[in-house]
Amino acid sequence: QESGGELTRIWVGNRVGAVPEGYELKETPLLKETHRQLDAYFNR
């Protein structure tokens, strides 16, 4: 999740749910980069 160009939250495991109220489901450059870095971390 991001707000104002900054990452604000990550949900994992049993905490993953639906889109929070007031948020739009949208992939942004920051969220793509977060995903890229998390994948790199998972792959050591």
PDB file of all heavy atoms in Angstrom:
ATOM      1  N   GLN A   1       0.844  -1.185   0.000  1.00  0.00           N
ATOM      2  CA  GLN A   1       0.000   0.000   0.000  1.00  0.00           C
ATOM      3  C   GLN A   1       0.882   1.239   0.000  1.00  0.00           C
ATOM      4  O   GLN A   1       1.914   1.275   0.680  1.00  0.00           O
ATOM      5  CB  GLN A   1      -0.853  -0.045   1.256  1.00  0.00           C
ATOM      6  CG  GLN A   1      -1.662   1.167   1.574  1.00  0.00           C
ATOM      7  CD  GLN A   1      -2.417   0.965   2.882  1.00  0.00           C
ATOM      8  OE1 GLN A   1      -3.159   0.010   3.031  1.00  0.00           O
ATOM      9  NE2 GLN A   1      -2.206   1.854   3.842  1.00  0.00           N
ATOM     10  N   GLU A   2       0.473   2.244  -0.772  1.00  0.00           N
ATOM     11  CA  GLU A   2       1.201   3.512  -0.753  1.00  0.00           C
ATOM     12  C   GLU A   2       0.237   4.670  -0.636  1.00  0.00           C
ATOM     13  O   GLU A   2      -0.929   4.582  -1.004  1.00  0.00           O
ATOM     14  CB  GLU A   2       2.080   3.671  -1.994  1.00  0.00           C
ATOM     15  CG  GLU A   2       1.384   4.237  -3.203  1.00  0.00           C
ATOM     16  CD  GLU A   2       2.333   4.634  -4.321  1.00  0.00           C
ATOM     17  OE1 GLU A   2       2.726   3.729  -5.080  1.00  0.00           O
ATOM     18  OE2 GLU A   2       2.639   5.825  -4.445  1.00  0.00           O
ATOM     19  N   SER A   3       0.779   5.739  -0.114  1.00  0.00           N
ATOM     20  CA  SER A   3       0.029   6.981   0.001  1.00  0.00           C
ATOM     21  C   SER A   3       1.017   8.116  -0.210  1.00  0.00           C
ATOM     22  O   SER A   3       2.078   8.139   0.433  1.00  0.00           O
ATOM     23  CB  SER A   3      -0.627   7.082   1.375  1.00  0.00           C
ATOM     24  OG  SER A   3      -1.370   8.276   1.480  1.00  0.00           O
ATOM     25  N   GLY A   4       0.710   9.011  -1.119  1.00  0.00           N
ATOM     26  CA  GLY A   4       1.566  10.166  -1.352  1.00  0.00           C
ATOM     27  C   GLY A   4       2.961   9.822  -1.817  1.00  0.00           C
ATOM     28  O   GLY A   4       3.913  10.527  -1.491  1.00  0.00           O
ATOM     29  N   GLY A   5       3.120   8.720  -2.551  1.00  0.00           N
ATOM     30  CA  GLY A   5       4.427   8.342  -3.084  1.00  0.00           C
ATOM     31  C   GLY A   5       5.344   7.640  -2.107  1.00  0.00           C
ATOM     32  O   GLY A   5       6.528   7.464  -2.385  1.00  0.00           O
ATOM     33  N   GLU A   6       4.803   7.215  -0.951  1.00  0.00           N
ATOM     34  CA  GLU A   6       5.594   6.477   0.025  1.00  0.00           C
ATOM     35  C   GLU A   6       4.862   5.201   0.428  1.00  0.00           C
ATOM     36  O   GLU A   6       3.639   5.200   0.565  1.00  0.00           O
ATOM     37  CB  GLU A   6       5.844   7.325   1.274  1.00  0.00           C
ATOM     38  CG  GLU A   6       6.700   8.547   0.996  1.00  0.00           C
ATOM     39  CD  GLU A   6       6.900   9.392   2.235  1.00  0.00           C
ATOM     40  OE1 GLU A   6       5.892   9.836   2.816  1.00  0.00           O
ATOM     41  OE2 GLU A   6       8.067   9.592   2.618  1.00  0.00           O
ATOM     42  N   LEU A   7       5.628   4.144   0.617  1.00  0.00           N
ATOM     43  CA  LEU A   7       5.062   2.875   1.065  1.00  0.00           C
ATOM     44  C   LEU A   7       4.556   3.053   2.493  1.00  0.00           C
ATOM     45  O   LEU A   7       5.241   3.630   3.336  1.00  0.00           O
ATOM     46  CB  LEU A   7       6.139   1.795   1.011  1.00  0.00           C
ATOM     47  CG  LEU A   7       5.687   0.357   1.153  1.00  0.00           C
ATOM     48  CD1 LEU A   7       4.809  -0.055  -0.023  1.00  0.00           C
ATOM     49  CD2 LEU A   7       6.894  -0.565   1.250  1.00  0.00           C
ATOM     50  N   THR A   8       3.333   2.577   2.755  1.00  0.00           N
ATOM     51  CA  THR A   8       2.755   2.742   4.091  1.00  0.00           C
ATOM     52  C   THR A   8       2.412   1.427   4.779  1.00  0.00           C
ATOM     53  O   THR A   8       2.271   1.388   5.999  1.00  0.00           O
ATOM     54  CB  THR A   8       1.480   3.607   4.035  1.00  0.00           C
ATOM     55  OG1 THR A   8       0.556   3.024   3.124  1.00  0.00           O
ATOM     56  CG2 THR A   8       1.803   5.034   3.629  1.00  0.00           C
ATOM     57  N   ARG A   9       2.249   0.346   4.011  1.00  0.00           N
ATOM     58  CA  ARG A   9       1.855  -0.914   4.635  1.00  0.00           C
ATOM     59  C   ARG A   9       2.147  -2.088   3.712  1.00  0.00           C
ATOM     60  O   ARG A   9       2.069  -1.972   2.496  1.00  0.00           O
ATOM     61  CB  ARG A   9       0.366  -0.906   4.973  1.00  0.00           C
ATOM     62  CG  ARG A   9      -0.091  -2.137   5.732  1.00  0.00           C
ATOM     63  CD  ARG A   9      -1.396  -1.944   6.452  1.00  0.00           C
ATOM     64  NE  ARG A   9      -1.388  -0.904   7.461  1.00  0.00           N
ATOM     65  CZ  ARG A   9      -0.933  -1.046   8.705  1.00  0.00           C
ATOM     66  NH1 ARG A   9      -0.416  -2.176   9.092  1.00  0.00           N
ATOM     67  NH2 ARG A   9      -1.002  -0.051   9.565  1.00  0.00           N
ATOM     68  N   ILE A  10       2.469  -3.209   4.357  1.00  0.00           N
ATOM     69  CA  ILE A  10       2.584  -4.503   3.676  1.00  0.00           C
ATOM     70  C   ILE A  10       1.743  -5.484   4.486  1.00  0.00           C
ATOM     71  O   ILE A  10       1.840  -5.519   5.714  1.00  0.00           O
ATOM     72  CB  ILE A  10       4.045  -4.998   3.604  1.00  0.00           C
ATOM     73  CG1 ILE A  10       4.887  -4.056   2.759  1.00  0.00           C
ATOM     74  CG2 ILE A  10       4.102  -6.426   3.049  1.00  0.00           C
ATOM     75  CD1 ILE A  10       6.363  -4.416   2.727  1.00  0.00           C
ATOM     76  N   TRP A  11       0.916  -6.239   3.795  1.00  0.00           N
ATOM     77  CA  TRP A  11       0.143  -7.302   4.447  1.00  0.00           C
ATOM     78  C   TRP A  11       0.699  -8.638   3.993  1.00  0.00           C
ATOM     79  O   TRP A  11       0.946  -8.845   2.804  1.00  0.00           O
ATOM     80  CB  TRP A  11      -1.330  -7.274   4.040  1.00  0.00           C
ATOM     81  CG  TRP A  11      -2.036  -6.005   4.319  1.00  0.00           C
ATOM     82  CD1 TRP A  11      -2.474  -5.543   5.525  1.00  0.00           C
ATOM     83  CD2 TRP A  11      -2.425  -5.027   3.358  1.00  0.00           C
ATOM     84  NE1 TRP A  11      -3.118  -4.344   5.371  1.00  0.00           N
ATOM     85  CE2 TRP A  11      -3.094  -4.002   4.048  1.00  0.00           C
ATOM     86  CE3 TRP A  11      -2.274  -4.906   1.981  1.00  0.00           C
ATOM     87  CZ2 TRP A  11      -3.609  -2.888   3.413  1.00  0.00           C
ATOM     88  CZ3 TRP A  11      -2.786  -3.793   1.344  1.00  0.00           C
ATOM     89  CH2 TRP A  11      -3.441  -2.804   2.057  1.00  0.00           C
ATOM     90  N   VAL A  12       0.868  -9.551   4.922  1.00  0.00           N
ATOM     91  CA  VAL A  12       1.366 -10.884   4.592  1.00  0.00           C
ATOM     92  C   VAL A  12       0.502 -11.944   5.266  1.00  0.00           C
ATOM     93  O   VAL A  12      -0.170 -11.673   6.267  1.00  0.00           O
ATOM     94  CB  VAL A  12       2.850 -11.073   5.008  1.00  0.00           C
ATOM     95  CG1 VAL A  12       3.759 -10.105   4.269  1.00  0.00           C
ATOM     96  CG2 VAL A  12       3.031 -10.921   6.508  1.00  0.00           C
ATOM     97  N   GLY A  13       0.535 -13.136   4.717  1.00  0.00           N
ATOM     98  CA  GLY A  13      -0.126 -14.287   5.335  1.00  0.00           C
ATOM     99  C   GLY A  13      -1.588 -14.058   5.634  1.00  0.00           C
ATOM    100  O   GLY A  13      -2.355 -13.594   4.790  1.00  0.00           O
ATOM    101  N   ASN A  14      -1.962 -14.351   6.866  1.00  0.00           N
ATOM    102  CA  ASN A  14      -3.366 -14.269   7.262  1.00  0.00           C
ATOM    103  C   ASN A  14      -3.871 -12.831   7.399  1.00  0.00           C
ATOM    104  O   ASN A  14      -5.023 -12.610   7.699  1.00  0.00           O
ATOM    105  CB  ASN A  14      -3.605 -15.051   8.555  1.00  0.00           C
ATOM    106  CG  ASN A  14      -2.743 -14.578   9.699  1.00  0.00           C
ATOM    107  OD1 ASN A  14      -2.233 -13.464   9.704  1.00  0.00           O
ATOM    108  ND2 ASN A  14      -2.551 -15.450  10.678  1.00  0.00           N
ATOM    109  N   ARG A  15      -3.020 -11.854   7.158  1.00  0.00           N
ATOM    110  CA  ARG A  15      -3.425 -10.446   7.216  1.00  0.00           C
ATOM    111  C   ARG A  15      -3.831  -9.893   5.846  1.00  0.00           C
ATOM    112  O   ARG A  15      -4.303  -8.770   5.744  1.00  0.00           O
ATOM    113  CB  ARG A  15      -2.291  -9.582   7.772  1.00  0.00           C
ATOM    114  CG  ARG A  15      -1.873  -9.929   9.176  1.00  0.00           C
ATOM    115  CD  ARG A  15      -2.856  -9.341  10.184  1.00  0.00           C
ATOM    116  NE  ARG A  15      -2.573  -9.763  11.528  1.00  0.00           N
ATOM    117  CZ  ARG A  15      -1.966  -9.016  12.428  1.00  0.00           C
ATOM    118  NH1 ARG A  15      -1.544  -7.826  12.129  1.00  0.00           N
ATOM    119  NH2 ARG A  15      -1.783  -9.488  13.643  1.00  0.00           N
ATOM    120  N   VAL A  16      -3.619 -10.667   4.780  1.00  0.00           N
ATOM    121  CA  VAL A  16      -3.960 -10.201   3.435  1.00  0.00           C
ATOM    122  C   VAL A  16      -5.474 -10.241   3.280  1.00  0.00           C
ATOM    123  O   VAL A  16      -6.109 -11.257   3.541  1.00  0.00           O
ATOM    124  CB  VAL A  16      -3.288 -11.065   2.341  1.00  0.00           C
ATOM    125  CG1 VAL A  16      -3.687 -10.586   0.955  1.00  0.00           C
ATOM    126  CG2 VAL A  16      -1.774 -11.036   2.497  1.00  0.00           C
ATOM    127  N   GLY A  17      -6.040  -9.126   2.868  1.00  0.00           N
ATOM    128  CA  GLY A  17      -7.490  -9.055   2.707  1.00  0.00           C
ATOM    129  C   GLY A  17      -7.860  -8.333   1.433  1.00  0.00           C
ATOM    130  O   GLY A  17      -7.150  -8.390   0.432  1.00  0.00           O
ATOM    131  N   ALA A  18      -8.947  -7.622   1.497  1.00  0.00           N
ATOM    132  CA  ALA A  18      -9.453  -6.867   0.350  1.00  0.00           C
ATOM    133  C   ALA A  18      -8.831  -5.470   0.342  1.00  0.00           C
ATOM    134  O   ALA A  18      -8.119  -5.076   1.261  1.00  0.00           O
ATOM    135  CB  ALA A  18     -10.973  -6.770   0.443  1.00  0.00           C
ATOM    136  N   VAL A  19      -9.151  -4.738  -0.696  1.00  0.00           N
ATOM    137  CA  VAL A  19      -8.684  -3.362  -0.815  1.00  0.00           C
ATOM    138  C   VAL A  19      -9.271  -2.545   0.337  1.00  0.00           C
ATOM    139  O   VAL A  19     -10.482  -2.557   0.564  1.00  0.00           O
ATOM    140  CB  VAL A  19      -9.114  -2.757  -2.173  1.00  0.00           C
ATOM    141  CG1 VAL A  19      -8.728  -1.291  -2.266  1.00  0.00           C
ATOM    142  CG2 VAL A  19      -8.520  -3.555  -3.323  1.00  0.00           C
ATOM    143  N   PRO A  20      -8.414  -1.860   1.101  1.00  0.00           N
ATOM    144  CA  PRO A  20      -8.930  -1.066   2.221  1.00  0.00           C
ATOM    145  C   PRO A  20      -9.830   0.073   1.742  1.00  0.00           C
ATOM    146  O   PRO A  20      -9.638   0.608   0.649  1.00  0.00           O
ATOM    147  CB  PRO A  20      -7.666  -0.496   2.873  1.00  0.00           C
ATOM    148  CG  PRO A  20      -6.524  -1.206   2.275  1.00  0.00           C
ATOM    149  CD  PRO A  20      -6.973  -1.779   0.987  1.00  0.00           C
ATOM    150  N   GLU A  21     -10.762   0.437   2.586  1.00  0.00           N
ATOM    151  CA  GLU A  21     -11.661   1.543   2.262  1.00  0.00           C
ATOM    152  C   GLU A  21     -10.835   2.810   2.022  1.00  0.00           C
ATOM    153  O   GLU A  21      -9.907   3.115   2.772  1.00  0.00           O
ATOM    154  CB  GLU A  21     -12.641   1.769   3.414  1.00  0.00           C
ATOM    155  CG  GLU A  21     -13.710   2.778   3.087  1.00  0.00           C
ATOM    156  CD  GLU A  21     -14.745   2.910   4.187  1.00  0.00           C
ATOM    157  OE1 GLU A  21     -15.058   1.885   4.839  1.00  0.00           O
ATOM    158  OE2 GLU A  21     -15.221   4.029   4.376  1.00  0.00           O
ATOM    159  N   GLY A  22     -11.181   3.524   0.963  1.00  0.00           N
ATOM    160  CA  GLY A  22     -10.480   4.760   0.632  1.00  0.00           C
ATOM    161  C   GLY A  22      -9.252   4.561  -0.235  1.00  0.00           C
ATOM    162  O   GLY A  22      -8.566   5.523  -0.575  1.00  0.00           O
ATOM    163  N   TYR A  23      -8.945   3.305  -0.587  1.00  0.00           N
ATOM    164  CA  TYR A  23      -7.792   3.001  -1.430  1.00  0.00           C
ATOM    165  C   TYR A  23      -8.265   2.463  -2.780  1.00  0.00           C
ATOM    166  O   TYR A  23      -9.303   1.818  -2.870  1.00  0.00           O
ATOM    167  CB  TYR A  23      -6.870   1.962  -0.768  1.00  0.00           C
ATOM    168  CG  TYR A  23      -5.994   2.576   0.289  1.00  0.00           C
ATOM    169  CD1 TYR A  23      -6.497   2.878   1.543  1.00  0.00           C
ATOM    170  CD2 TYR A  23      -4.673   2.876   0.024  1.00  0.00           C
ATOM    171  CE1 TYR A  23      -5.713   3.461   2.512  1.00  0.00           C
ATOM    172  CE2 TYR A  23      -3.866   3.455   0.987  1.00  0.00           C
ATOM    173  CZ  TYR A  23      -4.398   3.751   2.235  1.00  0.00           C
ATOM    174  OH  TYR A  23      -3.605   4.335   3.181  1.00  0.00           O
ATOM    175  N   GLU A  24      -7.487   2.732  -3.792  1.00  0.00           N
ATOM    176  CA  GLU A  24      -7.760   2.254  -5.139  1.00  0.00           C
ATOM    177  C   GLU A  24      -6.826   1.076  -5.449  1.00  0.00           C
ATOM    178  O   GLU A  24      -5.650   1.112  -5.077  1.00  0.00           O
ATOM    179  CB  GLU A  24      -7.507   3.403  -6.131  1.00  0.00           C
ATOM    180  CG  GLU A  24      -7.696   3.054  -7.569  1.00  0.00           C
ATOM    181  CD  GLU A  24      -7.350   4.229  -8.493  1.00  0.00           C
ATOM    182  OE1 GLU A  24      -7.074   5.339  -8.007  1.00  0.00           O
ATOM    183  OE2 GLU A  24      -7.334   3.998  -9.713  1.00  0.00           O
ATOM    184  N   LEU A  25      -7.349   0.052  -6.105  1.00  0.00           N
ATOM    185  CA  LEU A  25      -6.519  -1.067  -6.547  1.00  0.00           C
ATOM    186  C   LEU A  25      -5.810  -0.633  -7.821  1.00  0.00           C
ATOM    187  O   LEU A  25      -6.437  -0.465  -8.874  1.00  0.00           O
ATOM    188  CB  LEU A  25      -7.377  -2.311  -6.810  1.00  0.00           C
ATOM    189  CG  LEU A  25      -6.613  -3.560  -7.254  1.00  0.00           C
ATOM    190  CD1 LEU A  25      -5.655  -4.031  -6.161  1.00  0.00           C
ATOM    191  CD2 LEU A  25      -7.578  -4.664  -7.625  1.00  0.00           C
ATOM    192  N   LYS A  26      -4.514  -0.392  -7.699  1.00  0.00           N
ATOM    193  CA  LYS A  26      -3.750   0.130  -8.826  1.00  0.00           C
ATOM    194  C   LYS A  26      -2.275  -0.177  -8.610  1.00  0.00           C
ATOM    195  O   LYS A  26      -1.748   0.002  -7.515  1.00  0.00           O
ATOM    196  CB  LYS A  26      -3.956   1.645  -8.929  1.00  0.00           C
ATOM    197  CG  LYS A  26      -3.225   2.295 -10.059  1.00  0.00           C
ATOM    198  CD  LYS A  26      -3.521   3.793 -10.093  1.00  0.00           C
ATOM    199  CE  LYS A  26      -2.761   4.458 -11.223  1.00  0.00           C
ATOM    200  NZ  LYS A  26      -2.999   5.912 -11.235  1.00  0.00           N
ATOM    201  N   GLU A  27      -1.613  -0.615  -9.655  1.00  0.00           N
ATOM    202  CA  GLU A  27      -0.179  -0.862  -9.586  1.00  0.00           C
ATOM    203  C   GLU A  27       0.558   0.398 -10.016  1.00  0.00           C
ATOM    204  O   GLU A  27       0.332   0.906 -11.108  1.00  0.00           O
ATOM    205  CB  GLU A  27       0.200  -2.052 -10.475  1.00  0.00           C
ATOM    206  CG  GLU A  27       1.625  -2.500 -10.292  1.00  0.00           C
ATOM    207  CD  GLU A  27       1.936  -3.737 -11.101  1.00  0.00           C
ATOM    208  OE1 GLU A  27       1.453  -3.858 -12.245  1.00  0.00           O
ATOM    209  OE2 GLU A  27       2.691  -4.568 -10.596  1.00  0.00           O
ATOM    210  N   THR A  28       1.413   0.899  -9.158  1.00  0.00           N
ATOM    211  CA  THR A  28       2.171   2.119  -9.433  1.00  0.00           C
ATOM    212  C   THR A  28       3.652   1.766  -9.579  1.00  0.00           C
ATOM    213  O   THR A  28       4.072   0.667  -9.194  1.00  0.00           O
ATOM    214  CB  THR A  28       2.021   3.123  -8.281  1.00  0.00           C
ATOM    215  OG1 THR A  28       2.642   2.557  -7.110  1.00  0.00           O
ATOM    216  CG2 THR A  28       0.555   3.451  -8.003  1.00  0.00           C
ATOM    217  N   PRO A  29       4.463   2.685 -10.070  1.00  0.00           N
ATOM    218  CA  PRO A  29       5.910   2.415 -10.138  1.00  0.00           C
ATOM    219  C   PRO A  29       6.507   2.062  -8.777  1.00  0.00           C
ATOM    220  O   PRO A  29       7.338   1.159  -8.684  1.00  0.00           O
ATOM    221  CB  PRO A  29       6.476   3.725 -10.694  1.00  0.00           C
ATOM    222  CG  PRO A  29       5.373   4.281 -11.539  1.00  0.00           C
ATOM    223  CD  PRO A  29       4.115   3.939 -10.772  1.00  0.00           C
ATOM    224  N   LEU A  30       6.074   2.746  -7.704  1.00  0.00           N
ATOM    225  CA  LEU A  30       6.607   2.432  -6.378  1.00  0.00           C
ATOM    226  C   LEU A  30       6.215   1.020  -5.941  1.00  0.00           C
ATOM    227  O   LEU A  30       7.043   0.268  -5.407  1.00  0.00           O
ATOM    228  CB  LEU A  30       6.113   3.442  -5.338  1.00  0.00           C
ATOM    229  CG  LEU A  30       6.511   3.134  -3.889  1.00  0.00           C
ATOM    230  CD1 LEU A  30       8.021   3.141  -3.712  1.00  0.00           C
ATOM    231  CD2 LEU A  30       5.850   4.113  -2.934  1.00  0.00           C
ATOM    232  N   LEU A  31       4.981   0.618  -6.169  1.00  0.00           N
ATOM    233  CA  LEU A  31       4.551  -0.715  -5.774  1.00  0.00           C
ATOM    234  C   LEU A  31       5.241  -1.785  -6.620  1.00  0.00           C
ATOM    235  O   LEU A  31       5.618  -2.841  -6.096  1.00  0.00           O
ATOM    236  CB  LEU A  31       3.033  -0.830  -5.834  1.00  0.00           C
ATOM    237  CG  LEU A  31       2.280   0.124  -4.895  1.00  0.00           C
ATOM    238  CD1 LEU A  31       0.776  -0.111  -4.973  1.00  0.00           C
ATOM    239  CD2 LEU A  31       2.776   0.024  -3.461  1.00  0.00           C
ATOM    240  N   LYS A  32       5.458  -1.513  -7.904  1.00  0.00           N
ATOM    241  CA  LYS A  32       6.222  -2.441  -8.758  1.00  0.00           C
ATOM    242  C   LYS A  32       7.652  -2.596  -8.245  1.00  0.00           C
ATOM    243  O   LYS A  32       8.194  -3.700  -8.199  1.00  0.00           O
ATOM    244  CB  LYS A  32       6.268  -1.944 -10.204  1.00  0.00           C
ATOM    245  CG  LYS A  32       5.023  -2.182 -10.998  1.00  0.00           C
ATOM    246  CD  LYS A  32       5.225  -1.687 -12.430  1.00  0.00           C
ATOM    247  CE  LYS A  32       3.941  -1.761 -13.213  1.00  0.00           C
ATOM    248  NZ  LYS A  32       4.110  -1.259 -14.586  1.00  0.00           N
ATOM    249  N   GLU A  33       8.258  -1.472  -7.854  1.00  0.00           N
ATOM    250  CA  GLU A  33       9.624  -1.514  -7.340  1.00  0.00           C
ATOM    251  C   GLU A  33       9.675  -2.250  -6.001  1.00  0.00           C
ATOM    252  O   GLU A  33      10.618  -3.010  -5.740  1.00  0.00           O
ATOM    253  CB  GLU A  33      10.193  -0.099  -7.197  1.00  0.00           C
ATOM    254  CG  GLU A  33      11.586  -0.031  -6.607  1.00  0.00           C
ATOM    255  CD  GLU A  33      12.656  -0.765  -7.409  1.00  0.00           C
ATOM    256  OE1 GLU A  33      12.437  -1.102  -8.596  1.00  0.00           O
ATOM    257  OE2 GLU A  33      13.735  -1.023  -6.838  1.00  0.00           O
ATOM    258  N   THR A  34       8.684  -2.052  -5.171  1.00  0.00           N
ATOM    259  CA  THR A  34       8.617  -2.790  -3.907  1.00  0.00           C
ATOM    260  C   THR A  34       8.539  -4.289  -4.185  1.00  0.00           C
ATOM    261  O   THR A  34       9.264  -5.082  -3.572  1.00  0.00           O
ATOM    262  CB  THR A  34       7.402  -2.328  -3.076  1.00  0.00           C
ATOM    263  OG1 THR A  34       7.519  -0.925  -2.825  1.00  0.00           O
ATOM    264  CG2 THR A  34       7.310  -3.088  -1.761  1.00  0.00           C
ATOM    265  N   HIS A  35       7.696  -4.674  -5.122  1.00  0.00           N
ATOM    266  CA  HIS A  35       7.575  -6.085  -5.512  1.00  0.00           C
ATOM    267  C   HIS A  35       8.903  -6.615  -6.050  1.00  0.00           C
ATOM    268  O   HIS A  35       9.337  -7.712  -5.685  1.00  0.00           O
ATOM    269  CB  HIS A  35       6.467  -6.230  -6.553  1.00  0.00           C
ATOM    270  CG  HIS A  35       6.324  -7.591  -7.138  1.00  0.00           C
ATOM    271  ND1 HIS A  35       6.072  -8.711  -6.386  1.00  0.00           N
ATOM    272  CD2 HIS A  35       6.400  -8.012  -8.434  1.00  0.00           C
ATOM    273  CE1 HIS A  35       5.995  -9.771  -7.183  1.00  0.00           C
ATOM    274  NE2 HIS A  35       6.198  -9.368  -8.421  1.00  0.00           N
ATOM    275  N   ARG A  36       9.564  -5.827  -6.897  1.00  0.00           N
ATOM    276  CA  ARG A  36      10.861  -6.244  -7.458  1.00  0.00           C
ATOM    277  C   ARG A  36      11.879  -6.467  -6.344  1.00  0.00           C
ATOM    278  O   ARG A  36      12.579  -7.484  -6.317  1.00  0.00           O
ATOM    279  CB  ARG A  36      11.382  -5.197  -8.446  1.00  0.00           C
ATOM    280  CG  ARG A  36      12.645  -5.651  -9.185  1.00  0.00           C
ATOM    281  CD  ARG A  36      13.354  -4.506  -9.880  1.00  0.00           C
ATOM    282  NE  ARG A  36      13.971  -3.573  -8.951  1.00  0.00           N
ATOM    283  CZ  ARG A  36      15.086  -3.816  -8.251  1.00  0.00           C
ATOM    284  NH1 ARG A  36      15.704  -4.977  -8.354  1.00  0.00           N
ATOM    285  NH2 ARG A  36      15.572  -2.910  -7.435  1.00  0.00           N
ATOM    286  N   GLN A  37      11.947  -5.530  -5.391  1.00  0.00           N
ATOM    287  CA  GLN A  37      12.912  -5.679  -4.304  1.00  0.00           C
ATOM    288  C   GLN A  37      12.549  -6.839  -3.377  1.00  0.00           C
ATOM    289  O   GLN A  37      13.442  -7.566  -2.920  1.00  0.00           O
ATOM    290  CB  GLN A  37      13.034  -4.362  -3.516  1.00  0.00           C
ATOM    291  CG  GLN A  37      13.790  -3.299  -4.296  1.00  0.00           C
ATOM    292  CD  GLN A  37      14.137  -2.088  -3.466  1.00  0.00           C
ATOM    293  OE1 GLN A  37      14.381  -2.176  -2.261  1.00  0.00           O
ATOM    294  NE2 GLN A  37      14.187  -0.932  -4.120  1.00  0.00           N
ATOM    295  N   LEU A  38      11.270  -7.034  -3.110  1.00  0.00           N
ATOM    296  CA  LEU A  38      10.871  -8.181  -2.288  1.00  0.00           C
ATOM    297  C   LEU A  38      11.228  -9.494  -2.977  1.00  0.00           C
ATOM    298  O   LEU A  38      11.740 -10.418  -2.342  1.00  0.00           O
ATOM    299  CB  LEU A  38       9.382  -8.118  -1.958  1.00  0.00           C
ATOM    300  CG  LEU A  38       9.006  -7.089  -0.892  1.00  0.00           C
ATOM    301  CD1 LEU A  38       7.498  -6.868  -0.852  1.00  0.00           C
ATOM    302  CD2 LEU A  38       9.516  -7.504   0.482  1.00  0.00           C
ATOM    303  N   ASP A  39      10.997  -9.592  -4.293  1.00  0.00           N
ATOM    304  CA  ASP A  39      11.387 -10.801  -5.030  1.00  0.00           C
ATOM    305  C   ASP A  39      12.894 -11.029  -4.958  1.00  0.00           C
ATOM    306  O   ASP A  39      13.353 -12.163  -4.777  1.00  0.00           O
ATOM    307  CB  ASP A  39      10.941 -10.723  -6.491  1.00  0.00           C
ATOM    308  CG  ASP A  39       9.533 -11.234  -6.710  1.00  0.00           C
ATOM    309  OD1 ASP A  39       8.913 -11.751  -5.756  1.00  0.00           O
ATOM    310  OD2 ASP A  39       9.046 -11.129  -7.858  1.00  0.00           O
ATOM    311  N   ALA A  40      13.668  -9.960  -5.102  1.00  0.00           N
ATOM    312  CA  ALA A  40      15.123 -10.085  -5.006  1.00  0.00           C
ATOM    313  C   ALA A  40      15.524 -10.564  -3.609  1.00  0.00           C
ATOM    314  O   ALA A  40      16.415 -11.412  -3.464  1.00  0.00           O
ATOM    315  CB  ALA A  40      15.792  -8.748  -5.344  1.00  0.00           C
ATOM    316  N   TYR A  41      14.860 -10.058  -2.583  1.00  0.00           N
ATOM    317  CA  TYR A  41      15.121 -10.511  -1.217  1.00  0.00           C
ATOM    318  C   TYR A  41      14.787 -11.995  -1.073  1.00  0.00           C
ATOM    319  O   TYR A  41      15.581 -12.778  -0.554  1.00  0.00           O
ATOM    320  CB  TYR A  41      14.302  -9.668  -0.222  1.00  0.00           C
ATOM    321  CG  TYR A  41      14.255 -10.266   1.163  1.00  0.00           C
ATOM    322  CD1 TYR A  41      15.285 -10.071   2.068  1.00  0.00           C
ATOM    323  CD2 TYR A  41      13.172 -11.056   1.557  1.00  0.00           C
ATOM    324  CE1 TYR A  41      15.241 -10.636   3.329  1.00  0.00           C
ATOM    325  CE2 TYR A  41      13.124 -11.617   2.817  1.00  0.00           C
ATOM    326  CZ  TYR A  41      14.161 -11.411   3.698  1.00  0.00           C
ATOM    327  OH  TYR A  41      14.120 -11.992   4.945  1.00  0.00           O
ATOM    328  N   PHE A  42      13.599 -12.397  -1.544  1.00  0.00           N
ATOM    329  CA  PHE A  42      13.191 -13.795  -1.436  1.00  0.00           C
ATOM    330  C   PHE A  42      14.171 -14.721  -2.166  1.00  0.00           C
ATOM    331  O   PHE A  42      14.341 -15.872  -1.783  1.00  0.00           O
ATOM    332  CB  PHE A  42      11.785 -14.008  -1.998  1.00  0.00           C
ATOM    333  CG  PHE A  42      10.692 -13.281  -1.269  1.00  0.00           C
ATOM    334  CD1 PHE A  42       9.634 -12.717  -1.957  1.00  0.00           C
ATOM    335  CD2 PHE A  42      10.710 -13.145   0.116  1.00  0.00           C
ATOM    336  CE1 PHE A  42       8.617 -12.042  -1.293  1.00  0.00           C
ATOM    337  CE2 PHE A  42       9.700 -12.471   0.790  1.00  0.00           C
ATOM    338  CZ  PHE A  42       8.648 -11.917   0.081  1.00  0.00           C
ATOM    339  N   ASN A  43      14.804 -14.215  -3.207  1.00  0.00           N
ATOM    340  CA  ASN A  43      15.770 -14.998  -3.986  1.00  0.00           C
ATOM    341  C   ASN A  43      17.208 -14.797  -3.517  1.00  0.00           C
ATOM    342  O   ASN A  43      18.153 -15.135  -4.235  1.00  0.00           O
ATOM    343  CB  ASN A  43      15.632 -14.665  -5.478  1.00  0.00           C
ATOM    344  CG  ASN A  43      14.354 -15.213  -6.042  1.00  0.00           C
ATOM    345  OD1 ASN A  43      14.083 -16.404  -5.959  1.00  0.00           O
ATOM    346  ND2 ASN A  43      13.520 -14.335  -6.598  1.00  0.00           N
ATOM    347  N   ARG A  44      17.375 -14.219  -2.339  1.00  0.00           N
ATOM    348  CA  ARG A  44      18.686 -14.016  -1.697  1.00  0.00           C
ATOM    349  C   ARG A  44      19.626 -13.141  -2.518  1.00  0.00           C
ATOM    350  O   ARG A  44      20.842 -13.293  -2.451  1.00  0.00           O
ATOM    351  CB  ARG A  44      19.330 -15.359  -1.373  1.00  0.00           C
ATOM    352  CG  ARG A  44      18.519 -16.183  -0.414  1.00  0.00           C
ATOM    353  CD  ARG A  44      19.145 -17.481  -0.086  1.00  0.00           C
ATOM    354  NE  ARG A  44      18.324 -18.143   0.926  1.00  0.00           N
ATOM    355  CZ  ARG A  44      18.535 -19.364   1.342  1.00  0.00           C
ATOM    356  NH1 ARG A  44      19.531 -20.058   0.854  1.00  0.00           N
ATOM    357  NH2 ARG A  44      17.747 -19.895   2.236  1.00  0.00           N
TER     358      ARG A  44
END
